[in-house]
C-alpha atoms as a PDB file:
ATOM      1  CA  MET A   1     -55.294-141.993 -86.960  1.00  0.00           C
ATOM      2  CA  THR A   2     -54.718-145.085 -84.738  1.00  0.00           C
ATOM      3  CA  LEU A   3     -57.813-146.532 -86.123  1.00  0.00           C
ATOM      4  CA  VAL A   4     -56.372-146.157 -89.717  1.00  0.00           C
ATOM      5  CA  ALA A   5     -52.982-147.367 -88.248  1.00  0.00           C
ATOM      6  CA  ASP A   6     -54.323-150.662 -86.704  1.00  0.00           C
ATOM      7  CA  GLN A   7     -56.444-151.224 -89.919  1.00  0.00           C
ATOM      8  CA  LEU A   8     -52.991-151.051 -92.150  1.00  0.00           C
ATOM      9  CA  ARG A   9     -51.563-153.543 -89.314  1.00  0.00           C
ATOM     10  CA  LYS A  10     -53.796-156.049 -89.766  1.00  0.00           C
ATOM     11  CA  ALA A  11     -53.981-155.615 -93.828  1.00  0.00           C
ATOM     12  CA  HIS A  12     -50.235-155.537 -94.768  1.00  0.00           C
ATOM     13  CA  HIS A  13     -49.054-158.973 -95.499  1.00  0.00           C
ATOM     14  CA  PRO A  14     -45.113-158.596 -94.637  1.00  0.00           C
ATOM     15  CA  ASP A  15     -42.745-159.080 -97.856  1.00  0.00           C
ATOM     16  CA  VAL A  16     -39.182-160.319 -97.085  1.00  0.00           C
ATOM     17  CA  SER A  17     -37.879-158.003-100.231  1.00  0.00           C
ATOM     18  CA  ALA A  18     -40.183-155.223 -99.057  1.00  0.00           C
ATOM     19  CA  LYS A  19     -39.015-152.461 -97.578  1.00  0.00           C
ATOM     20  CA  PRO A  20     -39.895-151.565 -93.782  1.00  0.00           C
ATOM     21  CA  VAL A  21     -43.361-149.577 -93.368  1.00  0.00           C
ATOM     22  CA  ASN A  22     -44.321-147.273 -90.962  1.00  0.00           C
ATOM     23  CA  VAL A  23     -47.746-147.975 -90.749  1.00  0.00           C
ATOM     24  CA  ASP A  24     -48.295-144.771 -88.466  1.00  0.00           C
ATOM     25  CA  LEU A  25     -46.500-142.379 -91.110  1.00  0.00           C
ATOM     26  CA  ASP A  26     -49.097-144.169 -93.542  1.00  0.00           C
ATOM     27  CA  ALA A  27     -51.956-143.785 -91.633  1.00  0.00           C
ATOM     28  CA  GLU A  28     -51.016-139.640 -91.314  1.00  0.00           C
ATOM     29  CA  LEU A  29     -51.043-139.273 -94.985  1.00  0.00           C
ATOM     30  CA  ILE A  30     -54.243-141.577 -95.725  1.00  0.00           C
ATOM     31  CA  GLY A  31     -56.090-138.919 -92.991  1.00  0.00           C
ATOM     32  CA  ALA A  32     -54.469-135.873 -94.583  1.00  0.00           C
ATOM     33  CA  SER A  33     -55.117-136.964 -98.041  1.00  0.00           C
ATOM     34  CA  VAL A  34     -58.716-137.825 -97.402  1.00  0.00           C
ATOM     35  CA  GLY A  35     -59.394-134.691 -95.711  1.00  0.00           C
ATOM     36  CA  GLY A  36     -57.278-132.518 -98.571  1.00  0.00           C
ATOM     37  CA  LEU A  37     -59.376-134.595-101.007  1.00  0.00           C
ATOM     38  CA  ALA A  38     -62.734-133.647 -99.455  1.00  0.00           C
ATOM     39  CA  GLN A  39     -61.938-130.228 -99.304  1.00  0.00           C
ATOM     40  CA  GLY A  40     -60.984-130.015-102.914  1.00  0.00           C
ATOM     41  CA  THR A  41     -63.899-131.683-104.126  1.00  0.00           C
ATOM     42  CA  LEU A  42     -66.112-129.263-102.049  1.00  0.00           C
ATOM     43  CA  ALA A  43     -64.488-126.153-103.382  1.00  0.00           C
ATOM     44  CA  GLY A  44     -64.796-127.552-106.959  1.00  0.00           C
ATOM     45  CA  TYR A  45     -60.771-128.212-107.766  1.00  0.00           C
ATOM     46  CA  CYS A  46     -61.591-132.000-108.695  1.00  0.00           C
ATOM     47  CA  SER A  47     -64.599-134.563-108.748  1.00  0.00           C
ATOM     48  CA  ALA A  48     -65.903-136.887-106.289  1.00  0.00           C
ATOM     49  CA  ALA A  49     -64.531-139.502-109.261  1.00  0.00           C
ATOM     50  CA  GLY A  50     -61.457-138.062-109.506  1.00  0.00           C
ATOM     51  CA  ALA A  51     -60.852-137.967-105.635  1.00  0.00           C
ATOM     52  CA  VAL A  52     -61.831-141.337-105.371  1.00  0.00           C
ATOM     53  CA  GLU A  53     -59.258-142.756-108.206  1.00  0.00           C
ATOM     54  CA  LEU A  54     -56.592-140.712-106.365  1.00  0.00           C
ATOM     55  CA  LEU A  55     -57.593-142.369-103.155  1.00  0.00           C
ATOM     56  CA  ASP A  56     -57.534-145.553-104.856  1.00  0.00           C
ATOM     57  CA  HIS A  57     -54.087-144.675-105.941  1.00  0.00           C
ATOM     58  CA  LEU A  58     -52.872-143.959-102.645  1.00  0.00           C
ATOM     59  CA  LEU A  59     -54.193-147.140-101.312  1.00  0.00           C
ATOM     60  CA  ASP A  60     -52.793-149.155-104.058  1.00  0.00           C
ATOM     61  CA  ARG A  61     -49.578-147.578-103.092  1.00  0.00           C
ATOM     62  CA  VAL A  62     -49.635-147.893 -99.513  1.00  0.00           C
ATOM     63  CA  LEU A  63     -51.230-151.343 -99.361  1.00  0.00           C
ATOM     64  CA  GLY A  64     -50.335-152.607-102.552  1.00  0.00           C
ATOM     65  CA  PRO A  65     -52.960-153.218-105.871  1.00  0.00           C
ATOM     66  CA  TYR A  66     -55.950-154.856-104.459  1.00  0.00           C
ATOM     67  CA  SER A  67     -55.972-159.032-105.405  1.00  0.00           C
ATOM     68  CA  GLY A  68     -59.956-159.354-104.848  1.00  0.00           C
ATOM     69  CA  ASN A  69     -58.948-162.190-102.247  1.00  0.00           C
END
């Protein structure tokens, strides 16, 4: 999870009005979510497209919406 946390630190742009960020917990959440979504997809509980949509939503919540910059 250290690799994910390091990437989150690089991607995070602090906003003065934003709540404090715990990138280590966010990294654990992302890792657990990816594992769970992979298992759910393999078991047929969700489609690959549905898993990607959920992961995109999670990353938007953690990092903020993608601006394309």
